[in-house]
Amino acid sequence: MNKIILSNTRPPLLSECGLLAAAEPFYHMDRTAGFNVLIYVIDGTVYVTEDGTDYAVGAGELLFLKSGVHHYGRREIKKGTRWYYLHFCDSAGEPECMRENCSARAFKKTAALPKQLSGLENSRIESLIERYIDYFYSDDPMRLWDINTRLFELLTQIAVYNDSGESSLSDRICAYLQESYTEPFSASALEKEFFLSYKYMAAVFKREKNMTMQQYHKNIRINHARMLLGSTLMSVSEVAAAVGYSDALYFSRVFRESVGMCPSDYRRELFKRSIQPRR
């Protein structure tokens, strides 16, 4: 009921996020919000009613509230309750290229976010939420550029979380590589993160994702680089550094191997397309 649908053609946009703590007992706000809400409880229980359905969200549980649906508090939330929250909106409309291009539509994918999840204490989902909010309030100069990209990655991880309370190993490796794409690829770091042998993880990942972990790591870097080349005035050297390459010449070689042209030519092609008159 009142599910939120995640689409790779309409990435979500963050409104605000943070950590709240109840200084006194209170009832959840009565409102029909113009944004979706993610609630993740750390201590205590948050009580909220949405469209007549009562929800009790305890420690280690999350709940999504849907934009445009009436929600309010019917039970008192006790003093000392603490929870993370994220407010986010859907992008406005589907990109025009998706409507006009059948090939582009073939890449469209959607997933329903779970209404409520439990048993998330010390899980990867809890860690992702904490890291996301820490990043939002950090002084990282890239924060405003990729905060919505990271939001989409976070929500995607929640969407693929399965009934056993754990996403697949390859999905968890993907999430880890997405979080740490600016760092050099490290087999030892992966072994420390997952407490598994690199050989085993490499075999599972190749079988499930049809590519190596190194390839996936490189693809993340190149995709971020393409976004920066198309949406900023950063130099090629600055883009290289932003995605984890200390050597701009090596970055340009890797970019050419992946995209088919060097970074500066890629930027020029994007500019040419943007100024072409429509027919």
C-alpha atoms as a PDB file:
ATOM      1  CA  MET A   1       0.000   0.000   0.000  1.00  0.00           C
ATOM      2  CA  ASN A   2       1.307   3.446  -0.985  1.00  0.00           C
ATOM      3  CA  LYS A   3       4.514   1.990  -2.384  1.00  0.00           C
ATOM      4  CA  ILE A   4       7.203   4.295  -3.752  1.00  0.00           C
ATOM      5  CA  ILE A   5       8.522   3.249  -7.155  1.00  0.00           C
ATOM      6  CA  LEU A   6      12.203   3.787  -7.893  1.00  0.00           C
ATOM      7  CA  SER A   7      13.119   4.293 -11.558  1.00  0.00           C
ATOM      8  CA  ASN A   8      16.538   4.548 -13.174  1.00  0.00           C
ATOM      9  CA  THR A   9      15.115   7.122 -15.614  1.00  0.00           C
ATOM     10  CA  ARG A  10      13.786   9.428 -12.877  1.00  0.00           C
ATOM     11  CA  PRO A  11      16.408   9.577 -10.116  1.00  0.00           C
ATOM     12  CA  PRO A  12      15.183  10.990  -6.783  1.00  0.00           C
ATOM     13  CA  LEU A  13      16.143  14.438  -5.540  1.00  0.00           C
ATOM     14  CA  LEU A  14      17.036  15.057  -1.901  1.00  0.00           C
ATOM     15  CA  SER A  15      15.090  17.724  -0.014  1.00  0.00           C
ATOM     16  CA  GLU A  16      16.696  17.365   3.411  1.00  0.00           C
ATOM     17  CA  CYS A  17      18.018  14.756   5.814  1.00  0.00           C
ATOM     18  CA  GLY A  18      19.382  14.470   9.330  1.00  0.00           C
ATOM     19  CA  LEU A  19      19.188  12.950  12.789  1.00  0.00           C
ATOM     20  CA  LEU A  20      16.346  13.838  15.169  1.00  0.00           C
ATOM     21  CA  ALA A  21      15.952  13.148  18.897  1.00  0.00           C
ATOM     22  CA  ALA A  22      12.778  13.664  20.916  1.00  0.00           C
ATOM     23  CA  ALA A  23      13.564  16.058  23.789  1.00  0.00           C
ATOM     24  CA  GLU A  24       9.995  15.606  25.062  1.00  0.00           C
ATOM     25  CA  PRO A  25       7.125  13.191  24.295  1.00  0.00           C
ATOM     26  CA  PHE A  26       5.231  14.240  21.158  1.00  0.00           C
ATOM     27  CA  TYR A  27       2.938  13.085  18.366  1.00  0.00           C
ATOM     28  CA  HIS A  28       4.081  12.830  14.763  1.00  0.00           C
ATOM     29  CA  MET A  29       3.206  15.865  12.645  1.00  0.00           C
ATOM     30  CA  ASP A  30      -0.183  15.870  10.904  1.00  0.00           C
ATOM     31  CA  ARG A  31       0.494  16.640   7.241  1.00  0.00           C
ATOM     32  CA  THR A  32       0.252  15.664   3.595  1.00  0.00           C
ATOM     33  CA  ALA A  33       3.815  16.196   2.507  1.00  0.00           C
ATOM     34  CA  GLY A  34       4.963  17.042  -0.997  1.00  0.00           C
ATOM     35  CA  PHE A  35       7.900  14.678  -0.631  1.00  0.00           C
ATOM     36  CA  ASN A  36       8.623  11.052   0.235  1.00  0.00           C
ATOM     37  CA  VAL A  37      10.010  10.271   3.688  1.00  0.00           C
ATOM     38  CA  LEU A  38      12.445   7.607   4.859  1.00  0.00           C
ATOM     39  CA  ILE A  39      12.460   7.029   8.642  1.00  0.00           C
ATOM     40  CA  TYR A  40      15.153   4.848  10.226  1.00  0.00           C
ATOM     41  CA  VAL A  41      14.897   4.449  13.997  1.00  0.00           C
ATOM     42  CA  ILE A  42      17.997   4.145  16.197  1.00  0.00           C
ATOM     43  CA  ASP A  43      16.408   4.151  19.675  1.00  0.00           C
ATOM     44  CA  GLY A  44      12.795   3.926  20.824  1.00  0.00           C
ATOM     45  CA  THR A  45       9.745   3.694  18.560  1.00  0.00           C
ATOM     46  CA  VAL A  46       8.257   6.138  16.073  1.00  0.00           C
ATOM     47  CA  TYR A  47       4.473   5.856  15.697  1.00  0.00           C
ATOM     48  CA  VAL A  48       2.920   7.197  12.511  1.00  0.00           C
ATOM     49  CA  THR A  49      -0.364   6.592  10.712  1.00  0.00           C
ATOM     50  CA  GLU A  50      -0.487   6.838   6.926  1.00  0.00           C
ATOM     51  CA  ASP A  51      -3.783   6.838   5.071  1.00  0.00           C
ATOM     52  CA  GLY A  52      -5.458   5.107   8.053  1.00  0.00           C
ATOM     53  CA  THR A  53      -2.778   2.413   8.506  1.00  0.00           C
ATOM     54  CA  ASP A  54      -0.823   2.471  11.790  1.00  0.00           C
ATOM     55  CA  TYR A  55       2.922   1.846  11.793  1.00  0.00           C
ATOM     56  CA  ALA A  56       5.219   1.295  14.775  1.00  0.00           C
ATOM     57  CA  VAL A  57       8.845   1.694  13.697  1.00  0.00           C
ATOM     58  CA  GLY A  58      11.247   0.325  16.309  1.00  0.00           C
ATOM     59  CA  ALA A  59      15.026   0.397  16.624  1.00  0.00           C
ATOM     60  CA  GLY A  60      16.687  -1.108  13.573  1.00  0.00           C
ATOM     61  CA  GLU A  61      13.600  -0.620  11.409  1.00  0.00           C
ATOM     62  CA  LEU A  62      12.846   1.711   8.524  1.00  0.00           C
ATOM     63  CA  LEU A  63       9.617   2.980   6.996  1.00  0.00           C
ATOM     64  CA  PHE A  64       8.821   4.869   3.815  1.00  0.00           C
ATOM     65  CA  LEU A  65       5.976   7.418   3.706  1.00  0.00           C
ATOM     66  CA  LYS A  66       4.674   8.362   0.269  1.00  0.00           C
ATOM     67  CA  SER A  67       4.445  11.876  -1.102  1.00  0.00           C
ATOM     68  CA  GLY A  68       0.907  13.261  -1.324  1.00  0.00           C
ATOM     69  CA  VAL A  69      -0.547  10.798   1.208  1.00  0.00           C
ATOM     70  CA  HIS A  70      -1.913  12.013   4.558  1.00  0.00           C
ATOM     71  CA  HIS A  71       0.059  10.887   7.613  1.00  0.00           C
ATOM     72  CA  TYR A  72      -0.086  11.858  11.279  1.00  0.00           C
ATOM     73  CA  GLY A  73       0.566  10.587  14.810  1.00  0.00           C
ATOM     74  CA  ARG A  74      -2.059   8.598  16.684  1.00  0.00           C
ATOM     75  CA  ARG A  75       0.269   7.372  19.481  1.00  0.00           C
ATOM     76  CA  GLU A  76       2.769   9.316  21.540  1.00  0.00           C
ATOM     77  CA  ILE A  77       6.467   9.059  20.652  1.00  0.00           C
ATOM     78  CA  LYS A  78       8.465   8.860  23.878  1.00  0.00           C
ATOM     79  CA  LYS A  79      11.241  11.156  25.013  1.00  0.00           C
ATOM     80  CA  GLY A  80      14.683   9.916  23.960  1.00  0.00           C
ATOM     81  CA  THR A  81      13.541   8.358  20.694  1.00  0.00           C
ATOM     82  CA  ARG A  82      16.139   8.928  17.966  1.00  0.00           C
ATOM     83  CA  TRP A  83      15.831   8.454  14.238  1.00  0.00           C
ATOM     84  CA  TYR A  84      17.372   9.346  10.892  1.00  0.00           C
ATOM     85  CA  TYR A  85      15.155  10.903   8.251  1.00  0.00           C
ATOM     86  CA  LEU A  86      15.453  11.617   4.534  1.00  0.00           C
ATOM     87  CA  HIS A  87      12.989  13.721   2.559  1.00  0.00           C
ATOM     88  CA  PHE A  88      13.198  13.198  -1.199  1.00  0.00           C
ATOM     89  CA  CYS A  89      11.167  13.945  -4.313  1.00  0.00           C
ATOM     90  CA  ASP A  90      10.782  12.191  -7.632  1.00  0.00           C
ATOM     91  CA  SER A  91      12.335  13.922 -10.626  1.00  0.00           C
ATOM     92  CA  ALA A  92       9.762  15.805 -12.684  1.00  0.00           C
ATOM     93  CA  GLY A  93       8.720  13.632 -15.598  1.00  0.00           C
ATOM     94  CA  GLU A  94      10.555  11.105 -17.716  1.00  0.00           C
ATOM     95  CA  PRO A  95      13.446  12.400 -19.861  1.00  0.00           C
ATOM     96  CA  GLU A  96      12.322  13.267 -23.383  1.00  0.00           C
ATOM     97  CA  CYS A  97      14.862  10.882 -24.899  1.00  0.00           C
ATOM     98  CA  MET A  98      13.118   8.006 -23.111  1.00  0.00           C
ATOM     99  CA  ARG A  99       9.791   8.937 -24.686  1.00  0.00           C
ATOM    100  CA  GLU A 100      11.217   9.293 -28.187  1.00  0.00           C
ATOM    101  CA  ASN A 101      13.883   6.594 -28.274  1.00  0.00           C
ATOM    102  CA  CYS A 102      12.842   2.934 -28.213  1.00  0.00           C
ATOM    103  CA  SER A 103      16.434   1.814 -27.637  1.00  0.00           C
ATOM    104  CA  ALA A 104      16.708   4.058 -24.599  1.00  0.00           C
ATOM    105  CA  ARG A 105      13.459   2.647 -23.182  1.00  0.00           C
ATOM    106  CA  ALA A 106      15.012  -0.817 -23.282  1.00  0.00           C
ATOM    107  CA  PHE A 107      17.303   0.229 -20.436  1.00  0.00           C
ATOM    108  CA  LYS A 108      14.470   1.451 -18.215  1.00  0.00           C
ATOM    109  CA  LYS A 109      14.135  -0.410 -14.931  1.00  0.00           C
ATOM    110  CA  THR A 110      11.866   0.121 -11.930  1.00  0.00           C
ATOM    111  CA  ALA A 111      11.651  -1.340  -8.441  1.00  0.00           C
ATOM    112  CA  ALA A 112       9.264  -0.833  -5.531  1.00  0.00           C
ATOM    113  CA  LEU A 113      10.827   0.334  -2.299  1.00  0.00           C
ATOM    114  CA  PRO A 114       9.732  -1.861   0.646  1.00  0.00           C
ATOM    115  CA  LYS A 115       7.158  -0.179   2.851  1.00  0.00           C
ATOM    116  CA  GLN A 116       8.888  -1.308   6.036  1.00  0.00           C
ATOM    117  CA  LEU A 117      12.032  -3.297   6.878  1.00  0.00           C
ATOM    118  CA  SER A 118      13.170  -4.656  10.233  1.00  0.00           C
ATOM    119  CA  GLY A 119      16.253  -6.336  11.691  1.00  0.00           C
ATOM    120  CA  LEU A 120      18.658  -3.765  10.259  1.00  0.00           C
ATOM    121  CA  GLU A 121      20.802  -3.161  13.351  1.00  0.00           C
ATOM    122  CA  ASN A 122      24.487  -3.283  12.358  1.00  0.00           C
ATOM    123  CA  SER A 123      23.476  -4.117   8.792  1.00  0.00           C
ATOM    124  CA  ARG A 124      24.874  -2.653   5.599  1.00  0.00           C
ATOM    125  CA  ILE A 125      21.664  -0.651   5.119  1.00  0.00           C
ATOM    126  CA  GLU A 126      22.117   1.027   8.506  1.00  0.00           C
ATOM    127  CA  SER A 127      25.737   1.802   7.633  1.00  0.00           C
ATOM    128  CA  LEU A 128      24.741   3.246   4.242  1.00  0.00           C
ATOM    129  CA  ILE A 129      22.156   5.563   5.824  1.00  0.00           C
ATOM    130  CA  GLU A 130      24.647   6.760   8.449  1.00  0.00           C
ATOM    131  CA  ARG A 131      27.366   7.349   5.867  1.00  0.00           C
ATOM    132  CA  TYR A 132      24.978   9.164   3.545  1.00  0.00           C
ATOM    133  CA  ILE A 133      23.882  11.646   6.213  1.00  0.00           C
ATOM    134  CA  ASP A 134      27.471  12.125   7.409  1.00  0.00           C
ATOM    135  CA  TYR A 135      28.454  12.880   3.813  1.00  0.00           C
ATOM    136  CA  PHE A 136      25.590  15.351   3.395  1.00  0.00           C
ATOM    137  CA  TYR A 137      26.873  17.399   6.338  1.00  0.00           C
ATOM    138  CA  SER A 138      30.533  17.083   5.389  1.00  0.00           C
ATOM    139  CA  ASP A 139      32.620  19.832   3.759  1.00  0.00           C
ATOM    140  CA  ASP A 140      33.508  17.654   0.754  1.00  0.00           C
ATOM    141  CA  PRO A 141      33.536  20.001  -2.298  1.00  0.00           C
ATOM    142  CA  MET A 142      31.891  17.276  -4.407  1.00  0.00           C
ATOM    143  CA  ARG A 143      28.950  16.953  -2.019  1.00  0.00           C
ATOM    144  CA  LEU A 144      26.484  19.102  -3.946  1.00  0.00           C
ATOM    145  CA  TRP A 145      27.384  17.424  -7.220  1.00  0.00           C
ATOM    146  CA  ASP A 146      26.775  13.814  -6.281  1.00  0.00           C
ATOM    147  CA  ILE A 147      24.449  13.879  -3.255  1.00  0.00           C
ATOM    148  CA  ASN A 148      21.512  12.814  -5.453  1.00  0.00           C
ATOM    149  CA  THR A 149      23.596  10.140  -7.189  1.00  0.00           C
ATOM    150  CA  ARG A 150      24.422   8.706  -3.776  1.00  0.00           C
ATOM    151  CA  LEU A 151      20.765   8.922  -2.774  1.00  0.00           C
ATOM    152  CA  PHE A 152      19.803   6.821  -5.788  1.00  0.00           C
ATOM    153  CA  GLU A 153      22.512   4.294  -4.869  1.00  0.00           C
ATOM    154  CA  LEU A 154      21.239   4.138  -1.277  1.00  0.00           C
ATOM    155  CA  LEU A 155      17.613   3.637  -2.304  1.00  0.00           C
ATOM    156  CA  THR A 156      18.638   1.033  -4.871  1.00  0.00           C
ATOM    157  CA  GLN A 157      20.386  -0.980  -2.158  1.00  0.00           C
ATOM    158  CA  ILE A 158      17.240  -0.826  -0.022  1.00  0.00           C
ATOM    159  CA  ALA A 159      15.095  -1.880  -2.999  1.00  0.00           C
ATOM    160  CA  VAL A 160      17.161  -5.016  -3.646  1.00  0.00           C
ATOM    161  CA  TYR A 161      17.340  -6.002   0.022  1.00  0.00           C
ATOM    162  CA  ASN A 162      15.744  -9.436   0.230  1.00  0.00           C
ATOM    163  CA  ASP A 163      13.407 -11.080   2.708  1.00  0.00           C
ATOM    164  CA  SER A 164      16.226 -12.729   4.650  1.00  0.00           C
ATOM    165  CA  GLY A 165      17.517  -9.331   5.646  1.00  0.00           C
ATOM    166  CA  GLU A 166      20.588  -9.470   3.439  1.00  0.00           C
ATOM    167  CA  SER A 167      21.249  -8.437  -0.128  1.00  0.00           C
ATOM    168  CA  SER A 168      23.304 -10.738  -2.346  1.00  0.00           C
ATOM    169  CA  LEU A 169      27.079 -10.745  -1.954  1.00  0.00           C
ATOM    170  CA  SER A 170      27.609  -9.272  -5.410  1.00  0.00           C
ATOM    171  CA  ASP A 171      25.104  -6.466  -4.687  1.00  0.00           C
ATOM    172  CA  ARG A 172      26.902  -5.691  -1.421  1.00  0.00           C
ATOM    173  CA  ILE A 173      30.227  -5.613  -3.247  1.00  0.00           C
ATOM    174  CA  CYS A 174      28.691  -3.226  -5.789  1.00  0.00           C
ATOM    175  CA  ALA A 175      27.525  -0.945  -2.978  1.00  0.00           C
ATOM    176  CA  TYR A 176      30.977  -1.022  -1.368  1.00  0.00           C
ATOM    177  CA  LEU A 177      32.695  -0.180  -4.665  1.00  0.00           C
ATOM    178  CA  GLN A 178      30.206   2.618  -5.322  1.00  0.00           C
ATOM    179  CA  GLU A 179      30.984   4.144  -1.937  1.00  0.00           C
ATOM    180  CA  SER A 180      34.749   3.880  -2.348  1.00  0.00           C
ATOM    181  CA  TYR A 181      35.202   4.440  -6.084  1.00  0.00           C
ATOM    182  CA  THR A 182      37.680   7.292  -5.539  1.00  0.00           C
ATOM    183  CA  GLU A 183      40.030   4.890  -3.733  1.00  0.00           C
ATOM    184  CA  PRO A 184      42.360   2.525  -5.648  1.00  0.00           C
ATOM    185  CA  PHE A 185      40.902  -0.927  -6.174  1.00  0.00           C
ATOM    186  CA  SER A 186      42.173  -3.150  -3.351  1.00  0.00           C
ATOM    187  CA  ALA A 187      41.696  -6.897  -2.977  1.00  0.00           C
ATOM    188  CA  SER A 188      42.899  -6.767   0.631  1.00  0.00           C
ATOM    189  CA  ALA A 189      40.409  -3.997   1.488  1.00  0.00           C
ATOM    190  CA  LEU A 190      37.591  -6.133   0.091  1.00  0.00           C
ATOM    191  CA  GLU A 191      38.710  -9.117   2.168  1.00  0.00           C
ATOM    192  CA  LYS A 192      38.749  -6.962   5.315  1.00  0.00           C
ATOM    193  CA  GLU A 193      35.312  -5.536   4.524  1.00  0.00           C
ATOM    194  CA  PHE A 194      33.560  -8.855   3.839  1.00  0.00           C
ATOM    195  CA  PHE A 195      35.709 -11.351   5.786  1.00  0.00           C
ATOM    196  CA  LEU A 196      35.904 -13.565   2.696  1.00  0.00           C
ATOM    197  CA  SER A 197      38.741 -14.583   0.384  1.00  0.00           C
ATOM    198  CA  TYR A 198      39.220 -12.412  -2.660  1.00  0.00           C
ATOM    199  CA  LYS A 199      39.273 -15.476  -4.910  1.00  0.00           C
ATOM    200  CA  TYR A 200      35.825 -16.539  -3.706  1.00  0.00           C
ATOM    201  CA  MET A 201      34.344 -13.038  -4.046  1.00  0.00           C
ATOM    202  CA  ALA A 202      35.826 -12.636  -7.522  1.00  0.00           C
ATOM    203  CA  ALA A 203      34.236 -15.893  -8.696  1.00  0.00           C
ATOM    204  CA  VAL A 204      30.803 -15.030  -7.258  1.00  0.00           C
ATOM    205  CA  PHE A 205      30.882 -11.504  -8.663  1.00  0.00           C
ATOM    206  CA  LYS A 206      31.928 -12.630 -12.149  1.00  0.00           C
ATOM    207  CA  ARG A 207      29.201 -15.285 -12.192  1.00  0.00           C
ATOM    208  CA  GLU A 208      26.407 -12.928 -11.053  1.00  0.00           C
ATOM    209  CA  LYS A 209      27.456  -9.665 -12.745  1.00  0.00           C
ATOM    210  CA  ASN A 210      29.186 -11.020 -15.848  1.00  0.00           C
ATOM    211  CA  MET A 211      32.198  -8.765 -15.278  1.00  0.00           C
ATOM    212  CA  THR A 212      35.115  -8.565 -12.880  1.00  0.00           C
ATOM    213  CA  MET A 213      35.126  -6.374  -9.785  1.00  0.00           C
ATOM    214  CA  GLN A 214      37.947  -4.331 -11.304  1.00  0.00           C
ATOM    215  CA  GLN A 215      35.826  -3.699 -14.399  1.00  0.00           C
ATOM    216  CA  TYR A 216      32.879  -2.633 -12.254  1.00  0.00           C
ATOM    217  CA  HIS A 217      35.103  -0.289 -10.220  1.00  0.00           C
ATOM    218  CA  LYS A 218      36.478   1.266 -13.413  1.00  0.00           C
ATOM    219  CA  ASN A 219      32.980   1.673 -14.880  1.00  0.00           C
ATOM    220  CA  ILE A 220      31.828   3.581 -11.802  1.00  0.00           C
ATOM    221  CA  ARG A 221      34.784   5.945 -12.109  1.00  0.00           C
ATOM    222  CA  ILE A 222      34.262   6.507 -15.835  1.00  0.00           C
ATOM    223  CA  ASN A 223      30.504   7.090 -15.416  1.00  0.00           C
ATOM    224  CA  HIS A 224      31.160   9.710 -12.745  1.00  0.00           C
ATOM    225  CA  ALA A 225      33.794  11.280 -14.982  1.00  0.00           C
ATOM    226  CA  ARG A 226      31.316  11.477 -17.868  1.00  0.00           C
ATOM    227  CA  MET A 227      28.816  13.197 -15.589  1.00  0.00           C
ATOM    228  CA  LEU A 228      31.415  15.761 -14.460  1.00  0.00           C
ATOM    229  CA  LEU A 229      32.616  16.423 -18.002  1.00  0.00           C
ATOM    230  CA  GLY A 230      29.065  17.093 -19.103  1.00  0.00           C
ATOM    231  CA  SER A 231      27.825  19.114 -16.140  1.00  0.00           C
ATOM    232  CA  THR A 232      30.831  21.101 -14.830  1.00  0.00           C
ATOM    233  CA  LEU A 233      33.657  23.328 -16.073  1.00  0.00           C
ATOM    234  CA  MET A 234      36.258  21.245 -14.264  1.00  0.00           C
ATOM    235  CA  SER A 235      39.452  20.618 -16.241  1.00  0.00           C
ATOM    236  CA  VAL A 236      40.322  17.088 -17.339  1.00  0.00           C
ATOM    237  CA  SER A 237      42.966  16.945 -14.597  1.00  0.00           C
ATOM    238  CA  GLU A 238      40.413  18.037 -11.988  1.00  0.00           C
ATOM    239  CA  VAL A 239      37.905  15.446 -13.200  1.00  0.00           C
ATOM    240  CA  ALA A 240      40.600  12.769 -13.079  1.00  0.00           C
ATOM    241  CA  ALA A 241      41.439  13.657  -9.480  1.00  0.00           C
ATOM    242  CA  ALA A 242      37.761  13.813  -8.496  1.00  0.00           C
ATOM    243  CA  VAL A 243      37.178  10.213  -9.587  1.00  0.00           C
ATOM    244  CA  GLY A 244      40.373   8.841  -8.065  1.00  0.00           C
ATOM    245  CA  TYR A 245      43.058   9.081 -10.762  1.00  0.00           C
ATOM    246  CA  SER A 246      46.246  10.882  -9.687  1.00  0.00           C
ATOM    247  CA  ASP A 247      47.681  10.684 -13.216  1.00  0.00           C
ATOM    248  CA  ALA A 248      45.596  12.648 -15.748  1.00  0.00           C
ATOM    249  CA  LEU A 249      47.324  10.993 -18.731  1.00  0.00           C
ATOM    250  CA  TYR A 250      46.531   7.523 -17.424  1.00  0.00           C
ATOM    251  CA  PHE A 251      42.933   8.640 -16.760  1.00  0.00           C
ATOM    252  CA  SER A 252      42.643   9.883 -20.354  1.00  0.00           C
ATOM    253  CA  ARG A 253      43.914   6.543 -21.674  1.00  0.00           C
ATOM    254  CA  VAL A 254      41.446   4.559 -19.543  1.00  0.00           C
ATOM    255  CA  PHE A 255      38.625   6.930 -20.534  1.00  0.00           C
ATOM    256  CA  ARG A 256      39.413   6.500 -24.239  1.00  0.00           C
ATOM    257  CA  GLU A 257      39.476   2.700 -23.905  1.00  0.00           C
ATOM    258  CA  SER A 258      36.042   2.774 -22.225  1.00  0.00           C
ATOM    259  CA  VAL A 259      34.242   5.506 -24.164  1.00  0.00           C
ATOM    260  CA  GLY A 260      36.026   5.491 -27.524  1.00  0.00           C
ATOM    261  CA  MET A 261      37.318   9.051 -27.327  1.00  0.00           C
ATOM    262  CA  CYS A 262      39.467  11.150 -25.028  1.00  0.00           C
ATOM    263  CA  PRO A 263      37.805  13.266 -22.275  1.00  0.00           C
ATOM    264  CA  SER A 264      38.202  16.590 -24.091  1.00  0.00           C
ATOM    265  CA  ASP A 265      36.672  15.170 -27.307  1.00  0.00           C
ATOM    266  CA  TYR A 266      33.834  13.655 -25.272  1.00  0.00           C
ATOM    267  CA  ARG A 267      33.077  17.069 -23.756  1.00  0.00           C
ATOM    268  CA  ARG A 268      33.123  18.725 -27.200  1.00  0.00           C
ATOM    269  CA  GLU A 269      30.723  16.102 -28.568  1.00  0.00           C
ATOM    270  CA  LEU A 270      28.318  16.710 -25.680  1.00  0.00           C
ATOM    271  CA  PHE A 271      28.461  20.452 -26.344  1.00  0.00           C
ATOM    272  CA  LYS A 272      27.812  19.977 -30.062  1.00  0.00           C
ATOM    273  CA  ARG A 273      24.744  17.856 -29.326  1.00  0.00           C
ATOM    274  CA  SER A 274      23.411  20.394 -26.850  1.00  0.00           C
ATOM    275  CA  ILE A 275      23.452  23.241 -29.407  1.00  0.00           C
ATOM    276  CA  GLN A 276      22.103  21.324 -32.401  1.00  0.00           C
ATOM    277  CA  PRO A 277      18.727  22.727 -33.513  1.00  0.00           C
ATOM    278  CA  ARG A 278      15.800  20.369 -33.092  1.00  0.00           C
ATOM    279  CA  ARG A 279      14.072  19.158 -36.216  1.00  0.00           C
END
